[in-house]
Amino acid sequence: MADPQPGTGERRQSEQERRAYYRSKRGKNLAVLAALVGFAVLVYLVSIVRMGG
């Protein structure tokens, strides 16, 4: 009897690899977002201090 879905094991593994890839990519994107927000806050605070002084 033939396998109803040939290559299912490989497809499942590549799906797991794809999910791991996107999970790690999302983590990197969140780190970049945090860095950009931190930089924007720093520039804002420096400009407020310079205007006030």
N, C-alpha and C. Protein backbone atom coordinates (compact mmCIF):
# COMPACT_ATOMS: atom_id res chain seq x y z
N MET A 1 0.84 -1.17 0.00
CA MET A 1 0.00 0.00 0.00
C MET A 1 0.90 1.24 0.00
N ALA A 2 0.52 2.23 -0.77
CA ALA A 2 1.33 3.44 -0.90
C ALA A 2 1.06 4.39 0.25
N ASP A 3 2.07 5.17 0.56
CA ASP A 3 1.92 6.19 1.59
C ASP A 3 0.94 7.26 1.10
N PRO A 4 -0.10 7.62 1.85
CA PRO A 4 -1.09 8.58 1.36
C PRO A 4 -0.50 9.96 1.09
N GLN A 5 0.50 10.35 1.85
CA GLN A 5 1.14 11.65 1.62
C GLN A 5 2.64 11.44 1.60
N PRO A 6 3.19 11.17 0.42
CA PRO A 6 4.63 10.95 0.35
C PRO A 6 5.41 12.18 0.79
N GLY A 7 6.48 11.95 1.51
CA GLY A 7 7.33 13.06 1.94
C GLY A 7 6.80 13.84 3.12
N THR A 8 5.81 13.29 3.82
CA THR A 8 5.22 14.02 4.94
C THR A 8 6.26 14.29 6.03
N GLY A 9 7.11 13.31 6.28
CA GLY A 9 8.13 13.50 7.31
C GLY A 9 9.07 14.64 6.97
N GLU A 10 9.49 14.71 5.72
CA GLU A 10 10.38 15.80 5.31
C GLU A 10 9.65 17.14 5.39
N ARG A 11 8.41 17.15 4.96
CA ARG A 11 7.65 18.39 4.98
C ARG A 11 7.46 18.87 6.41
N ARG A 12 7.20 17.93 7.32
CA ARG A 12 7.01 18.30 8.71
C ARG A 12 8.30 18.88 9.28
N GLN A 13 9.43 18.28 8.94
CA GLN A 13 10.71 18.78 9.44
C GLN A 13 10.98 20.18 8.89
N SER A 14 10.74 20.39 7.60
CA SER A 14 11.00 21.70 7.04
C SER A 14 10.04 22.73 7.64
N GLU A 15 8.84 22.31 7.97
CA GLU A 15 7.90 23.22 8.63
C GLU A 15 8.44 23.62 10.01
N GLN A 16 9.00 22.67 10.74
CA GLN A 16 9.58 22.98 12.05
C GLN A 16 10.79 23.90 11.89
N GLU A 17 11.61 23.63 10.88
CA GLU A 17 12.76 24.50 10.64
C GLU A 17 12.32 25.90 10.27
N ARG A 18 11.26 25.98 9.44
CA ARG A 18 10.75 27.29 9.03
C ARG A 18 10.23 28.06 10.23
N ARG A 19 9.51 27.37 11.12
CA ARG A 19 9.01 28.04 12.31
C ARG A 19 10.15 28.53 13.20
N ALA A 20 11.18 27.72 13.35
CA ALA A 20 12.34 28.12 14.16
C ALA A 20 13.03 29.32 13.54
N TYR A 21 13.13 29.32 12.20
CA TYR A 21 13.75 30.45 11.50
C TYR A 21 12.97 31.73 11.74
N TYR A 22 11.63 31.66 11.58
CA TYR A 22 10.82 32.86 11.76
C TYR A 22 10.81 33.31 13.22
N ARG A 23 10.89 32.35 14.14
CA ARG A 23 10.92 32.71 15.56
C ARG A 23 12.20 33.47 15.87
N SER A 24 13.34 32.99 15.36
CA SER A 24 14.60 33.69 15.62
C SER A 24 14.63 35.04 14.92
N LYS A 25 14.05 35.09 13.73
CA LYS A 25 14.02 36.35 12.99
C LYS A 25 13.14 37.37 13.72
N ARG A 26 12.04 36.91 14.29
CA ARG A 26 11.18 37.81 15.05
C ARG A 26 11.90 38.35 16.27
N GLY A 27 12.68 37.51 16.94
CA GLY A 27 13.45 37.97 18.08
C GLY A 27 14.46 39.05 17.70
N LYS A 28 15.12 38.86 16.57
CA LYS A 28 16.06 39.87 16.09
C LYS A 28 15.34 41.17 15.74
N ASN A 29 14.17 41.05 15.11
CA ASN A 29 13.41 42.24 14.75
C ASN A 29 12.96 43.00 15.99
N LEU A 30 12.56 42.29 17.02
CA LEU A 30 12.16 42.96 18.26
C LEU A 30 13.35 43.66 18.92
N ALA A 31 14.53 43.06 18.82
CA ALA A 31 15.73 43.69 19.37
C ALA A 31 16.05 44.98 18.62
N VAL A 32 15.92 44.96 17.31
CA VAL A 32 16.16 46.16 16.50
C VAL A 32 15.13 47.23 16.85
N LEU A 33 13.87 46.82 17.00
CA LEU A 33 12.83 47.77 17.38
C LEU A 33 13.15 48.41 18.73
N ALA A 34 13.57 47.62 19.69
CA ALA A 34 13.91 48.16 21.02
C ALA A 34 15.07 49.15 20.92
N ALA A 35 16.06 48.83 20.10
CA ALA A 35 17.20 49.73 19.93
C ALA A 35 16.76 51.05 19.29
N LEU A 36 15.90 50.98 18.28
CA LEU A 36 15.42 52.21 17.63
C LEU A 36 14.58 53.07 18.57
N VAL A 37 13.72 52.43 19.34
CA VAL A 37 12.90 53.18 20.30
C VAL A 37 13.80 53.80 21.36
N GLY A 38 14.78 53.05 21.84
CA GLY A 38 15.72 53.60 22.82
C GLY A 38 16.50 54.78 22.28
N PHE A 39 16.92 54.70 21.03
CA PHE A 39 17.64 55.81 20.41
C PHE A 39 16.74 57.03 20.26
N ALA A 40 15.49 56.82 19.86
CA ALA A 40 14.55 57.94 19.72
C ALA A 40 14.30 58.62 21.06
N VAL A 41 14.16 57.83 22.12
CA VAL A 41 13.95 58.40 23.45
C VAL A 41 15.19 59.17 23.89
N LEU A 42 16.36 58.63 23.61
CA LEU A 42 17.61 59.32 23.96
C LEU A 42 17.72 60.66 23.24
N VAL A 43 17.44 60.68 21.95
CA VAL A 43 17.50 61.94 21.19
C VAL A 43 16.48 62.93 21.73
N TYR A 44 15.30 62.46 22.05
CA TYR A 44 14.26 63.33 22.61
C TYR A 44 14.71 63.93 23.94
N LEU A 45 15.24 63.10 24.81
CA LEU A 45 15.66 63.60 26.12
C LEU A 45 16.83 64.58 26.01
N VAL A 46 17.77 64.30 25.14
CA VAL A 46 18.91 65.21 24.95
C VAL A 46 18.41 66.54 24.40
N SER A 47 17.47 66.51 23.46
CA SER A 47 16.97 67.77 22.90
C SER A 47 16.19 68.57 23.96
N ILE A 48 15.46 67.91 24.82
CA ILE A 48 14.74 68.60 25.89
C ILE A 48 15.73 69.25 26.85
N VAL A 49 16.77 68.51 27.22
CA VAL A 49 17.77 69.05 28.14
C VAL A 49 18.49 70.26 27.53
N ARG A 50 18.83 70.16 26.25
CA ARG A 50 19.54 71.28 25.60
C ARG A 50 18.66 72.49 25.47
N MET A 51 17.38 72.34 25.22
CA MET A 51 16.47 73.48 25.10
C MET A 51 16.24 74.13 26.46
N GLY A 52 16.20 73.33 27.49
CA GLY A 52 15.94 73.85 28.83
C GLY A 52 17.16 74.54 29.44
N GLY A 53 18.34 74.17 29.00
CA GLY A 53 19.56 74.68 29.63
C GLY A 53 20.06 75.84 28.89
